PDB file of N, CA and C in Angstrom:
ATOM      1  N   VAL A   1      -1.295   8.033 -31.322  1.00  0.00           N
ATOM      2  CA  VAL A   1      -1.617   9.625 -30.932  1.00  0.00           C
ATOM      3  C   VAL A   1      -1.048   9.950 -29.528  1.00  0.00           C
ATOM      4  N   VAL A   2       0.158  10.461 -29.484  1.00  0.00           N
ATOM      5  CA  VAL A   2       0.807  10.880 -28.566  1.00  0.00           C
ATOM      6  C   VAL A   2       0.512  12.559 -27.789  1.00  0.00           C
ATOM      7  N   GLU A   3       0.269  12.884 -27.034  1.00  0.00           N
ATOM      8  CA  GLU A   3      -0.049  14.355 -26.686  1.00  0.00           C
ATOM      9  C   GLU A   3       1.143  14.434 -25.551  1.00  0.00           C
ATOM     10  N   CYS A   4       1.833  15.403 -25.805  1.00  0.00           N
ATOM     11  CA  CYS A   4       2.707  15.808 -24.296  1.00  0.00           C
ATOM     12  C   CYS A   4       2.396  17.203 -23.946  1.00  0.00           C
ATOM     13  N   LYS A   5       2.884  17.611 -22.591  1.00  0.00           N
ATOM     14  CA  LYS A   5       2.535  18.698 -21.855  1.00  0.00           C
ATOM     15  C   LYS A   5       3.471  18.750 -20.705  1.00  0.00           C
ATOM     16  N   ARG A   6       3.380  19.657 -20.178  1.00  0.00           N
ATOM     17  CA  ARG A   6       4.287  19.756 -19.209  1.00  0.00           C
ATOM     18  C   ARG A   6       3.430  19.978 -17.922  1.00  0.00           C
ATOM     19  N   LEU A   7       3.813  19.432 -16.658  1.00  0.00           N
ATOM     20  CA  LEU A   7       2.953  19.481 -15.238  1.00  0.00           C
ATOM     21  C   LEU A   7       3.772  19.997 -14.120  1.00  0.00           C
ATOM     22  N   GLY A   8       3.066  20.658 -13.346  1.00  0.00           N
ATOM     23  CA  GLY A   8       3.479  21.488 -12.281  1.00  0.00           C
ATOM     24  C   GLY A   8       2.847  22.928 -11.879  1.00  0.00           C
ATOM     25  N   SER A   9       3.733  23.709 -11.081  1.00  0.00           N
ATOM     26  CA  SER A   9       3.248  25.103 -10.867  1.00  0.00           C
ATOM     27  C   SER A   9       2.891  26.226 -11.935  1.00  0.00           C
ATOM     28  N   THR A  10       2.172  26.865 -11.669  1.00  0.00           N
ATOM     29  CA  THR A  10       1.861  27.964 -12.724  1.00  0.00           C
ATOM     30  C   THR A  10       3.254  28.686 -12.856  1.00  0.00           C
ATOM     31  N   THR A  11       3.251  28.985 -14.242  1.00  0.00           N
ATOM     32  CA  THR A  11       4.749  29.715 -14.648  1.00  0.00           C
ATOM     33  C   THR A  11       4.498  31.113 -14.271  1.00  0.00           C
ATOM     34  N   PRO A  12       5.689  31.907 -14.202  1.00  0.00           N
ATOM     35  CA  PRO A  12       5.665  33.185 -13.867  1.00  0.00           C
ATOM     36  C   PRO A  12       5.299  34.083 -14.974  1.00  0.00           C
ATOM     37  N   SER A  13       4.927  33.514 -16.125  1.00  0.00           N
ATOM     38  CA  SER A  13       4.123  34.061 -17.211  1.00  0.00           C
ATOM     39  C   SER A  13       2.647  33.845 -17.008  1.00  0.00           C
ATOM     40  N   GLY A  14       2.109  33.062 -16.183  1.00  0.00           N
ATOM     41  CA  GLY A  14       0.733  32.881 -15.758  1.00  0.00           C
ATOM     42  C   GLY A  14       0.473  31.396 -16.522  1.00  0.00           C
ATOM     43  N   TRP A  15       1.211  30.911 -17.229  1.00  0.00           N
ATOM     44  CA  TRP A  15       0.820  29.533 -17.943  1.00  0.00           C
ATOM     45  C   TRP A  15       0.275  28.251 -16.702  1.00  0.00           C
ATOM     46  N   LYS A  16      -0.919  28.104 -16.911  1.00  0.00           N
ATOM     47  CA  LYS A  16      -1.423  27.173 -15.739  1.00  0.00           C
ATOM     48  C   LYS A  16      -1.014  25.728 -16.306  1.00  0.00           C
ATOM     49  N   LEU A  17      -0.166  24.865 -16.004  1.00  0.00           N
ATOM     50  CA  LEU A  17       0.445  23.794 -16.519  1.00  0.00           C
ATOM     51  C   LEU A  17      -0.565  22.539 -16.212  1.00  0.00           C
ATOM     52  N   ASN A  18      -1.140  22.425 -15.144  1.00  0.00           N
ATOM     53  CA  ASN A  18      -2.093  21.266 -14.748  1.00  0.00           C
ATOM     54  C   ASN A  18      -3.483  21.326 -15.440  1.00  0.00           C
ATOM     55  N   GLU A  19      -3.597  22.459 -15.300  1.00  0.00           N
ATOM     56  CA  GLU A  19      -5.082  23.189 -16.143  1.00  0.00           C
ATOM     57  C   GLU A  19      -4.712  23.093 -17.731  1.00  0.00           C
ATOM     58  N   ASN A  20      -3.810  23.086 -18.350  1.00  0.00           N
ATOM     59  CA  ASN A  20      -3.415  23.254 -19.703  1.00  0.00           C
ATOM     60  C   ASN A  20      -3.486  21.619 -19.790  1.00  0.00           C
ATOM     61  N   TYR A  21      -2.809  20.851 -19.143  1.00  0.00           N
ATOM     62  CA  TYR A  21      -2.964  19.321 -19.304  1.00  0.00           C
ATOM     63  C   TYR A  21      -4.508  19.022 -19.607  1.00  0.00           C
ATOM     64  N   VAL A  22      -5.414  19.258 -19.087  1.00  0.00           N
ATOM     65  CA  VAL A  22      -6.597  19.106 -19.088  1.00  0.00           C
ATOM     66  C   VAL A  22      -7.378  19.839 -20.519  1.00  0.00           C
ATOM     67  N   SER A  23      -7.046  21.169 -20.362  1.00  0.00           N
ATOM     68  CA  SER A  23      -8.055  21.715 -21.261  1.00  0.00           C
ATOM     69  C   SER A  23      -7.204  21.630 -22.628  1.00  0.00           C
ATOM     70  N   GLU A  24      -5.836  21.688 -23.074  1.00  0.00           N
ATOM     71  CA  GLU A  24      -5.371  21.368 -24.261  1.00  0.00           C
ATOM     72  C   GLU A  24      -4.767  20.163 -24.424  1.00  0.00           C
ATOM     73  N   GLY A  25      -5.154  19.151 -23.627  1.00  0.00           N
ATOM     74  CA  GLY A  25      -4.484  17.741 -23.580  1.00  0.00           C
ATOM     75  C   GLY A  25      -5.495  16.729 -23.671  1.00  0.00           C
ATOM     76  N   ILE A  26      -6.008  16.449 -22.600  1.00  0.00           N
ATOM     77  CA  ILE A  26      -7.045  15.376 -22.431  1.00  0.00           C
ATOM     78  C   ILE A  26      -8.245  15.446 -23.011  1.00  0.00           C
ATOM     79  N   ARG A  27      -8.792  16.648 -23.245  1.00  0.00           N
ATOM     80  CA  ARG A  27      -9.981  17.279 -24.139  1.00  0.00           C
ATOM     81  C   ARG A  27      -9.865  17.076 -25.641  1.00  0.00           C
ATOM     82  N   ARG A  28      -8.668  17.025 -25.788  1.00  0.00           N
ATOM     83  CA  ARG A  28      -8.574  16.895 -27.248  1.00  0.00           C
ATOM     84  C   ARG A  28      -8.582  15.484 -27.954  1.00  0.00           C
ATOM     85  N   PHE A  29      -8.847  14.694 -26.878  1.00  0.00           N
ATOM     86  CA  PHE A  29      -9.412  13.240 -27.339  1.00  0.00           C
ATOM     87  C   PHE A  29     -10.663  12.862 -27.116  1.00  0.00           C
ATOM     88  N   ILE A  30     -11.461  13.993 -26.944  1.00  0.00           N
ATOM     89  CA  ILE A  30     -13.057  13.746 -26.722  1.00  0.00           C
ATOM     90  C   ILE A  30     -13.847  14.776 -27.118  1.00  0.00           C
ATOM     91  N   THR A  31     -13.114  15.849 -27.605  1.00  0.00           N
ATOM     92  CA  THR A  31     -14.092  16.734 -28.187  1.00  0.00           C
ATOM     93  C   THR A  31     -13.943  16.823 -29.797  1.00  0.00           C
ATOM     94  N   ALA A  32     -15.048  16.892 -30.541  1.00  0.00           N
ATOM     95  CA  ALA A  32     -15.425  16.841 -31.912  1.00  0.00           C
ATOM     96  C   ALA A  32     -14.489  17.678 -32.740  1.00  0.00           C
ATOM     97  N   PRO A  33     -14.018  18.868 -32.460  1.00  0.00           N
ATOM     98  CA  PRO A  33     -13.665  19.684 -33.129  1.00  0.00           C
ATOM     99  C   PRO A  33     -11.829  19.181 -33.369  1.00  0.00           C
ATOM    100  N   HIS A  34     -11.138  18.592 -32.327  1.00  0.00           N
ATOM    101  CA  HIS A  34      -9.774  17.657 -32.180  1.00  0.00           C
ATOM    102  C   HIS A  34      -9.856  16.598 -32.812  1.00  0.00           C
ATOM    103  N   LYS A  35     -11.036  15.627 -32.229  1.00  0.00           N
ATOM    104  CA  LYS A  35     -10.917  14.231 -32.544  1.00  0.00           C
ATOM    105  C   LYS A  35      -9.336  13.244 -32.036  1.00  0.00           C
ATOM    106  N   TYR A  36      -8.466  13.702 -31.562  1.00  0.00           N
ATOM    107  CA  TYR A  36      -7.496  13.130 -31.610  1.00  0.00           C
ATOM    108  C   TYR A  36      -7.782  11.479 -31.098  1.00  0.00           C
ATOM    109  N   GLY A  37      -6.747  10.929 -31.726  1.00  0.00           N
ATOM    110  CA  GLY A  37      -7.274   9.285 -31.611  1.00  0.00           C
ATOM    111  C   GLY A  37      -8.306   8.990 -32.218  1.00  0.00           C
ATOM    112  N   LYS A  38      -9.031   9.640 -33.215  1.00  0.00           N
ATOM    113  CA  LYS A  38     -10.179   9.012 -33.775  1.00  0.00           C
ATOM    114  C   LYS A  38      -9.994   7.792 -34.478  1.00  0.00           C
ATOM    115  N   ASP A  39     -10.889   6.802 -34.347  1.00  0.00           N
ATOM    116  CA  ASP A  39     -10.820   5.418 -34.847  1.00  0.00           C
ATOM    117  C   ASP A  39      -9.954   4.368 -34.312  1.00  0.00           C
ATOM    118  N   ASP A  40      -9.418   4.930 -33.055  1.00  0.00           N
ATOM    119  CA  ASP A  40      -8.654   4.071 -31.993  1.00  0.00           C
ATOM    120  C   ASP A  40      -9.090   4.213 -30.492  1.00  0.00           C
ATOM    121  N   ASP A  41      -9.050   2.693 -30.238  1.00  0.00           N
ATOM    122  CA  ASP A  41      -9.382   2.662 -28.776  1.00  0.00           C
ATOM    123  C   ASP A  41      -8.534   3.039 -27.584  1.00  0.00           C
ATOM    124  N   ALA A  42      -7.220   3.637 -27.779  1.00  0.00           N
ATOM    125  CA  ALA A  42      -6.380   4.081 -26.992  1.00  0.00           C
ATOM    126  C   ALA A  42      -5.304   5.182 -27.878  1.00  0.00           C
ATOM    127  N   SER A  43      -4.923   6.048 -26.531  1.00  0.00           N
ATOM    128  CA  SER A  43      -3.819   6.539 -27.211  1.00  0.00           C
ATOM    129  C   SER A  43      -3.123   7.259 -25.963  1.00  0.00           C
ATOM    130  N   GLY A  44      -1.863   8.010 -25.883  1.00  0.00           N
ATOM    131  CA  GLY A  44      -1.201   8.400 -24.462  1.00  0.00           C
ATOM    132  C   GLY A  44      -0.978   9.688 -24.690  1.00  0.00           C
ATOM    133  N   MET A  45      -0.813   9.924 -23.477  1.00  0.00           N
ATOM    134  CA  MET A  45      -0.080  11.529 -22.898  1.00  0.00           C
ATOM    135  C   MET A  45       1.301  11.672 -22.236  1.00  0.00           C
ATOM    136  N   ILE A  46       2.198  12.195 -22.545  1.00  0.00           N
ATOM    137  CA  ILE A  46       3.195  12.386 -21.751  1.00  0.00           C
ATOM    138  C   ILE A  46       3.103  13.407 -21.093  1.00  0.00           C
ATOM    139  N   GLY A  47       3.475  13.547 -19.430  1.00  0.00           N
ATOM    140  CA  GLY A  47       3.576  14.712 -18.924  1.00  0.00           C
ATOM    141  C   GLY A  47       4.886  14.698 -18.096  1.00  0.00           C
ATOM    142  N   TYR A  48       5.388  15.791 -18.481  1.00  0.00           N
ATOM    143  CA  TYR A  48       6.869  16.075 -17.827  1.00  0.00           C
ATOM    144  C   TYR A  48       6.724  16.844 -16.559  1.00  0.00           C
ATOM    145  N   VAL A  49       6.902  16.059 -15.575  1.00  0.00           N
ATOM    146  CA  VAL A  49       6.734  16.889 -14.237  1.00  0.00           C
ATOM    147  C   VAL A  49       7.912  17.662 -13.995  1.00  0.00           C
ATOM    148  N   GLN A  50       7.843  19.115 -13.886  1.00  0.00           N
ATOM    149  CA  GLN A  50       8.616  20.033 -13.764  1.00  0.00           C
ATOM    150  C   GLN A  50       8.955  20.283 -12.182  1.00  0.00           C
ATOM    151  N   ASN A  51       8.067  20.414 -11.212  1.00  0.00           N
ATOM    152  CA  ASN A  51       8.128  20.572  -9.911  1.00  0.00           C
ATOM    153  C   ASN A  51       6.674  20.430  -9.526  1.00  0.00           C
ATOM    154  N   MET A  52       6.367  20.479  -8.191  1.00  0.00           N
ATOM    155  CA  MET A  52       5.214  20.046  -7.332  1.00  0.00           C
ATOM    156  C   MET A  52       5.218  18.670  -6.855  1.00  0.00           C
ATOM    157  N   SER A  53       4.565  18.178  -6.204  1.00  0.00           N
ATOM    158  CA  SER A  53       4.500  16.912  -5.891  1.00  0.00           C
ATOM    159  C   SER A  53       3.707  15.782  -6.684  1.00  0.00           C
ATOM    160  N   PHE A  54       3.807  14.801  -6.829  1.00  0.00           N
ATOM    161  CA  PHE A  54       2.817  13.850  -7.883  1.00  0.00           C
ATOM    162  C   PHE A  54       1.468  14.191  -7.331  1.00  0.00           C
ATOM    163  N   VAL A  55       1.121  14.075  -6.021  1.00  0.00           N
ATOM    164  CA  VAL A  55      -0.209  14.171  -5.160  1.00  0.00           C
ATOM    165  C   VAL A  55      -0.963  15.010  -5.734  1.00  0.00           C
ATOM    166  N   ASP A  56      -0.075  16.197  -5.599  1.00  0.00           N
ATOM    167  CA  ASP A  56      -0.637  17.512  -5.275  1.00  0.00           C
ATOM    168  C   ASP A  56      -1.000  17.691  -7.226  1.00  0.00           C
ATOM    169  N   ILE A  57      -0.422  17.667  -7.952  1.00  0.00           N
ATOM    170  CA  ILE A  57      -0.534  17.753  -9.680  1.00  0.00           C
ATOM    171  C   ILE A  57      -1.620  16.908  -9.670  1.00  0.00           C
ATOM    172  N   LEU A  58      -1.512  15.436  -9.441  1.00  0.00           N
ATOM    173  CA  LEU A  58      -2.978  14.520  -9.721  1.00  0.00           C
ATOM    174  C   LEU A  58      -4.140  15.267  -9.166  1.00  0.00           C
ATOM    175  N   SER A  59      -4.228  15.847  -7.970  1.00  0.00           N
ATOM    176  CA  SER A  59      -5.153  16.457  -7.537  1.00  0.00           C
ATOM    177  C   SER A  59      -6.102  17.612  -8.411  1.00  0.00           C
ATOM    178  N   GLU A  60      -4.793  18.215  -8.589  1.00  0.00           N
ATOM    179  CA  GLU A  60      -5.175  19.664  -9.739  1.00  0.00           C
ATOM    180  C   GLU A  60      -5.686  19.412 -10.773  1.00  0.00           C
ATOM    181  N   VAL A  61      -5.136  18.317 -11.621  1.00  0.00           N
ATOM    182  CA  VAL A  61      -5.438  17.487 -12.979  1.00  0.00           C
ATOM    183  C   VAL A  61      -7.183  17.073 -12.665  1.00  0.00           C
ATOM    184  N   ASN A  62      -7.299  16.332 -11.637  1.00  0.00           N
ATOM    185  CA  ASN A  62      -8.503  15.886 -11.701  1.00  0.00           C
ATOM    186  C   ASN A  62      -9.551  16.616 -11.102  1.00  0.00           C
ATOM    187  N   ALA A  63      -9.215  17.680 -10.375  1.00  0.00           N
ATOM    188  CA  ALA A  63     -10.108  18.759 -10.296  1.00  0.00           C
ATOM    189  C   ALA A  63     -10.856  19.486 -11.547  1.00  0.00           C
ATOM    190  N   VAL A  64      -9.910  19.779 -12.276  1.00  0.00           N
ATOM    191  CA  VAL A  64      -9.955  20.091 -13.717  1.00  0.00           C
ATOM    192  C   VAL A  64     -10.775  19.745 -14.298  1.00  0.00           C
ATOM    193  N   ALA A  65     -10.369  18.487 -14.419  1.00  0.00           N
ATOM    194  CA  ALA A  65     -11.153  17.118 -15.508  1.00  0.00           C
ATOM    195  C   ALA A  65     -12.856  17.157 -14.692  1.00  0.00           C
ATOM    196  N   SER A  66     -13.025  16.952 -13.473  1.00  0.00           N
ATOM    197  CA  SER A  66     -14.273  16.931 -13.100  1.00  0.00           C
ATOM    198  C   SER A  66     -14.779  18.132 -13.343  1.00  0.00           C
ATOM    199  N   ALA A  67     -14.378  19.249 -13.432  1.00  0.00           N
ATOM    200  CA  ALA A  67     -15.125  20.432 -14.023  1.00  0.00           C
ATOM    201  C   ALA A  67     -14.943  20.721 -15.440  1.00  0.00           C
ATOM    202  N   ALA A  68     -14.623  19.705 -16.577  1.00  0.00           N
ATOM    203  CA  ALA A  68     -15.011  19.831 -17.816  1.00  0.00           C
ATOM    204  C   ALA A  68     -16.401  19.596 -17.897  1.00  0.00           C
ATOM    205  N   PRO A  69     -16.717  20.229 -19.333  1.00  0.00           N
ATOM    206  CA  PRO A  69     -17.796  20.060 -19.675  1.00  0.00           C
ATOM    207  C   PRO A  69     -18.342  18.866 -20.143  1.00  0.00           C
ATOM    208  N   GLU A  70     -17.023  18.018 -20.575  1.00  0.00           N
ATOM    209  CA  GLU A  70     -17.264  16.721 -21.032  1.00  0.00           C
ATOM    210  C   GLU A  70     -17.294  15.826 -19.653  1.00  0.00           C
ATOM    211  N   THR A  71     -17.638  14.567 -19.916  1.00  0.00           N
ATOM    212  CA  THR A  71     -17.523  13.736 -18.733  1.00  0.00           C
ATOM    213  C   THR A  71     -15.955  13.190 -18.724  1.00  0.00           C
ATOM    214  N   VAL A  72     -15.249  13.501 -17.456  1.00  0.00           N
ATOM    215  CA  VAL A  72     -13.807  12.999 -17.652  1.00  0.00           C
ATOM    216  C   VAL A  72     -13.504  12.776 -16.283  1.00  0.00           C
ATOM    217  N   LEU A  73     -13.371  11.021 -16.386  1.00  0.00           N
ATOM    218  CA  LEU A  73     -12.984  10.394 -15.088  1.00  0.00           C
ATOM    219  C   LEU A  73     -11.748  10.584 -14.355  1.00  0.00           C
ATOM    220  N   PRO A  74     -11.518  10.871 -13.227  1.00  0.00           N
ATOM    221  CA  PRO A  74     -10.502  10.826 -12.671  1.00  0.00           C
ATOM    222  C   PRO A  74      -9.207  10.016 -13.247  1.00  0.00           C
ATOM    223  N   LEU A  75      -8.058  10.277 -13.137  1.00  0.00           N
ATOM    224  CA  LEU A  75      -6.761   9.357 -13.809  1.00  0.00           C
ATOM    225  C   LEU A  75      -6.673   8.768 -12.439  1.00  0.00           C
ATOM    226  N   ASN A  76      -6.143   7.165 -12.737  1.00  0.00           N
ATOM    227  CA  ASN A  76      -6.097   6.137 -11.819  1.00  0.00           C
ATOM    228  C   ASN A  76      -4.541   5.851 -11.796  1.00  0.00           C
ATOM    229  N   LEU A  77      -3.836   6.043 -10.616  1.00  0.00           N
ATOM    230  CA  LEU A  77      -2.454   5.686 -10.703  1.00  0.00           C
ATOM    231  C   LEU A  77      -2.403   3.895 -10.765  1.00  0.00           C
ATOM    232  N   SER A  78      -1.279   3.508 -11.541  1.00  0.00           N
ATOM    233  CA  SER A  78      -0.861   2.388 -11.895  1.00  0.00           C
ATOM    234  C   SER A  78      -0.587   1.328 -10.391  1.00  0.00           C
ATOM    235  N   SER A  79      -0.670   0.090 -10.373  1.00  0.00           N
ATOM    236  CA  SER A  79      -0.329  -0.267  -8.864  1.00  0.00           C
ATOM    237  C   SER A  79       1.107  -0.113  -8.693  1.00  0.00           C
ATOM    238  N   LEU A  80       2.022   0.395  -9.486  1.00  0.00           N
ATOM    239  CA  LEU A  80       3.438   0.372  -9.361  1.00  0.00           C
ATOM    240  C   LEU A  80       3.774   1.669  -8.591  1.00  0.00           C
ATOM    241  N   GLY A  81       2.775   2.654  -8.442  1.00  0.00           N
ATOM    242  CA  GLY A  81       2.825   3.647  -7.516  1.00  0.00           C
ATOM    243  C   GLY A  81       3.530   4.694  -8.488  1.00  0.00           C
ATOM    244  N   TRP A  82       4.011   6.067  -7.477  1.00  0.00           N
ATOM    245  CA  TRP A  82       4.781   6.773  -8.060  1.00  0.00           C
ATOM    246  C   TRP A  82       6.005   6.342  -8.245  1.00  0.00           C
ATOM    247  N   GLN A  83       7.036   6.918  -9.335  1.00  0.00           N
ATOM    248  CA  GLN A  83       8.004   6.456  -9.582  1.00  0.00           C
ATOM    249  C   GLN A  83       9.116   7.852  -9.434  1.00  0.00           C
ATOM    250  N   THR A  84       9.804   8.295  -8.498  1.00  0.00           N
ATOM    251  CA  THR A  84      10.260   9.708  -8.394  1.00  0.00           C
ATOM    252  C   THR A  84      11.556   9.372  -9.225  1.00  0.00           C
ATOM    253  N   GLY A  85      11.794  10.087  -9.867  1.00  0.00           N
ATOM    254  CA  GLY A  85      13.176  10.054 -10.932  1.00  0.00           C
ATOM    255  C   GLY A  85      12.979   8.991 -12.290  1.00  0.00           C
ATOM    256  N   GLY A  86      11.576   8.693 -12.186  1.00  0.00           N
ATOM    257  CA  GLY A  86      11.509   7.930 -13.430  1.00  0.00           C
ATOM    258  C   GLY A  86       9.992   8.048 -13.907  1.00  0.00           C
ATOM    259  N   VAL A  87       9.505   7.062 -14.385  1.00  0.00           N
ATOM    260  CA  VAL A  87       7.966   7.423 -14.963  1.00  0.00           C
ATOM    261  C   VAL A  87       6.754   6.847 -14.348  1.00  0.00           C
ATOM    262  N   SER A  88       5.944   7.145 -14.342  1.00  0.00           N
ATOM    263  CA  SER A  88       4.735   6.885 -13.596  1.00  0.00           C
ATOM    264  C   SER A  88       3.801   6.678 -14.342  1.00  0.00           C
ATOM    265  N   GLU A  89       3.049   5.422 -14.112  1.00  0.00           N
ATOM    266  CA  GLU A  89       1.862   5.237 -15.281  1.00  0.00           C
ATOM    267  C   GLU A  89       0.377   5.577 -14.799  1.00  0.00           C
ATOM    268  N   LEU A  90      -0.495   6.297 -15.493  1.00  0.00           N
ATOM    269  CA  LEU A  90      -1.925   6.509 -15.177  1.00  0.00           C
ATOM    270  C   LEU A  90      -2.778   5.904 -16.145  1.00  0.00           C
ATOM    271  N   THR A  91      -4.049   5.852 -15.791  1.00  0.00           N
ATOM    272  CA  THR A  91      -4.746   5.303 -17.041  1.00  0.00           C
ATOM    273  C   THR A  91      -6.107   6.114 -16.779  1.00  0.00           C
ATOM    274  N   HIS A  92      -7.150   6.371 -17.524  1.00  0.00           N
ATOM    275  CA  HIS A  92      -8.489   6.349 -17.403  1.00  0.00           C
ATOM    276  C   HIS A  92      -9.277   6.239 -18.809  1.00  0.00           C
ATOM    277  N   ASP A  93     -10.275   5.546 -18.341  1.00  0.00           N
ATOM    278  CA  ASP A  93     -11.404   5.646 -19.853  1.00  0.00           C
ATOM    279  C   ASP A  93     -12.347   7.067 -20.120  1.00  0.00           C
ATOM    280  N   LEU A  94     -12.700   7.107 -21.398  1.00  0.00           N
ATOM    281  CA  LEU A  94     -13.053   8.501 -21.671  1.00  0.00           C
ATOM    282  C   LEU A  94     -14.500   8.004 -22.471  1.00  0.00           C
ATOM    283  N   SER A  95     -15.094   8.609 -22.576  1.00  0.00           N
ATOM    284  CA  SER A  95     -16.683   8.325 -23.392  1.00  0.00           C
ATOM    285  C   SER A  95     -16.585   9.799 -24.649  1.00  0.00           C
ATOM    286  N   ARG A  96     -16.391   8.930 -26.246  1.00  0.00           N
ATOM    287  CA  ARG A  96     -16.629  10.024 -26.976  1.00  0.00           C
ATOM    288  C   ARG A  96     -17.670  10.254 -27.984  1.00  0.00           C
ATOM    289  N   PRO A  97     -18.000  11.309 -28.466  1.00  0.00           N
ATOM    290  CA  PRO A  97     -19.136  11.368 -29.444  1.00  0.00           C
ATOM    291  C   PRO A  97     -18.606  10.798 -30.659  1.00  0.00           C
ATOM    292  N   PHE A  98     -17.347  10.230 -30.756  1.00  0.00           N
ATOM    293  CA  PHE A  98     -17.058   9.910 -32.206  1.00  0.00           C
ATOM    294  C   PHE A  98     -16.214   8.559 -32.088  1.00  0.00           C
ATOM    295  N   PRO A  99     -16.383   7.722 -33.139  1.00  0.00           N
ATOM    296  CA  PRO A  99     -15.543   6.396 -33.276  1.00  0.00           C
ATOM    297  C   PRO A  99     -14.331   6.383 -32.628  1.00  0.00           C
ATOM    298  N   VAL A 100     -13.801   5.819 -32.007  1.00  0.00           N
ATOM    299  CA  VAL A 100     -14.313   4.624 -31.177  1.00  0.00           C
ATOM    300  C   VAL A 100     -14.892   5.458 -29.903  1.00  0.00           C
ATOM    301  N   THR A 101     -16.160   4.786 -29.420  1.00  0.00           N
ATOM    302  CA  THR A 101     -16.724   5.716 -28.293  1.00  0.00           C
ATOM    303  C   THR A 101     -16.125   5.031 -26.751  1.00  0.00           C
ATOM    304  N   THR A 102     -15.782   4.365 -26.754  1.00  0.00           N
ATOM    305  CA  THR A 102     -15.055   4.208 -25.452  1.00  0.00           C
ATOM    306  C   THR A 102     -13.233   3.973 -25.682  1.00  0.00           C
ATOM    307  N   PHE A 103     -12.997   4.824 -24.934  1.00  0.00           N
ATOM    308  CA  PHE A 103     -11.464   5.097 -25.246  1.00  0.00           C
ATOM    309  C   PHE A 103     -10.780   5.336 -24.042  1.00  0.00           C
ATOM    310  N   ARG A 104      -9.381   4.318 -23.910  1.00  0.00           N
ATOM    311  CA  ARG A 104      -8.680   4.717 -22.489  1.00  0.00           C
ATOM    312  C   ARG A 104      -7.471   5.372 -23.314  1.00  0.00           C
ATOM    313  N   LEU A 105      -6.918   6.136 -22.298  1.00  0.00           N
ATOM    314  CA  LEU A 105      -6.293   7.242 -22.330  1.00  0.00           C
ATOM    315  C   LEU A 105      -5.083   6.859 -21.222  1.00  0.00           C
ATOM    316  N   TYR A 106      -4.181   6.336 -21.881  1.00  0.00           N
ATOM    317  CA  TYR A 106      -2.545   6.082 -21.020  1.00  0.00           C
ATOM    318  C   TYR A 106      -2.014   7.672 -20.722  1.00  0.00           C
ATOM    319  N   HIS A 107      -1.479   7.607 -19.228  1.00  0.00           N
ATOM    320  CA  HIS A 107      -0.576   8.757 -19.244  1.00  0.00           C
ATOM    321  C   HIS A 107       0.647   8.434 -18.438  1.00  0.00           C
ATOM    322  N   PHE A 108       1.808   8.927 -19.208  1.00  0.00           N
ATOM    323  CA  PHE A 108       3.306   8.486 -18.512  1.00  0.00           C
ATOM    324  C   PHE A 108       3.646   9.866 -18.262  1.00  0.00           C
ATOM    325  N   TRP A 109       3.452   9.955 -16.774  1.00  0.00           N
ATOM    326  CA  TRP A 109       4.464  11.175 -15.994  1.00  0.00           C
ATOM    327  C   TRP A 109       5.710  10.907 -15.859  1.00  0.00           C
ATOM    328  N   VAL A 110       6.544  11.790 -16.782  1.00  0.00           N
ATOM    329  CA  VAL A 110       8.229  11.677 -16.394  1.00  0.00           C
ATOM    330  C   VAL A 110       8.688  12.636 -15.635  1.00  0.00           C
ATOM    331  N   ASP A 111       9.350  12.114 -14.617  1.00  0.00           N
ATOM    332  CA  ASP A 111       9.961  13.322 -13.158  1.00  0.00           C
ATOM    333  C   ASP A 111      11.364  13.492 -13.800  1.00  0.00           C
ATOM    334  N   VAL A 112      10.871  15.165 -14.061  1.00  0.00           N
ATOM    335  CA  VAL A 112      12.292  15.665 -14.576  1.00  0.00           C
ATOM    336  C   VAL A 112      12.609  17.009 -14.014  1.00  0.00           C
ATOM    337  N   ARG A 113      12.263  16.818 -12.562  1.00  0.00           N
ATOM    338  CA  ARG A 113      12.556  17.669 -11.241  1.00  0.00           C
ATOM    339  C   ARG A 113      14.047  17.636 -11.166  1.00  0.00           C
TER     340      ARG A 113
END
């Protein structure tokens, strides 16, 4: 299962991209109503970085994730670091109330700025 979302500043219409990355993206992999990736031990998300710095986006995403009702650990940047103009890789492990309970979510942030 792969989920795709936009990342960056809040849009003029009020759409909070980084908040929705968590609430309408990450949480779909750990909440019972959605059960994205059920019976799998890993899945992925693609984030399209439209504006803002990588560091600011990651800070906002991790702040929203830490405030989620479920336990959502911070995303961790790979040892390759940020890839300006390319694809940056991040991961985190999640606990879920359905199989497979220990779950790795891979994040690929594509810089389209």
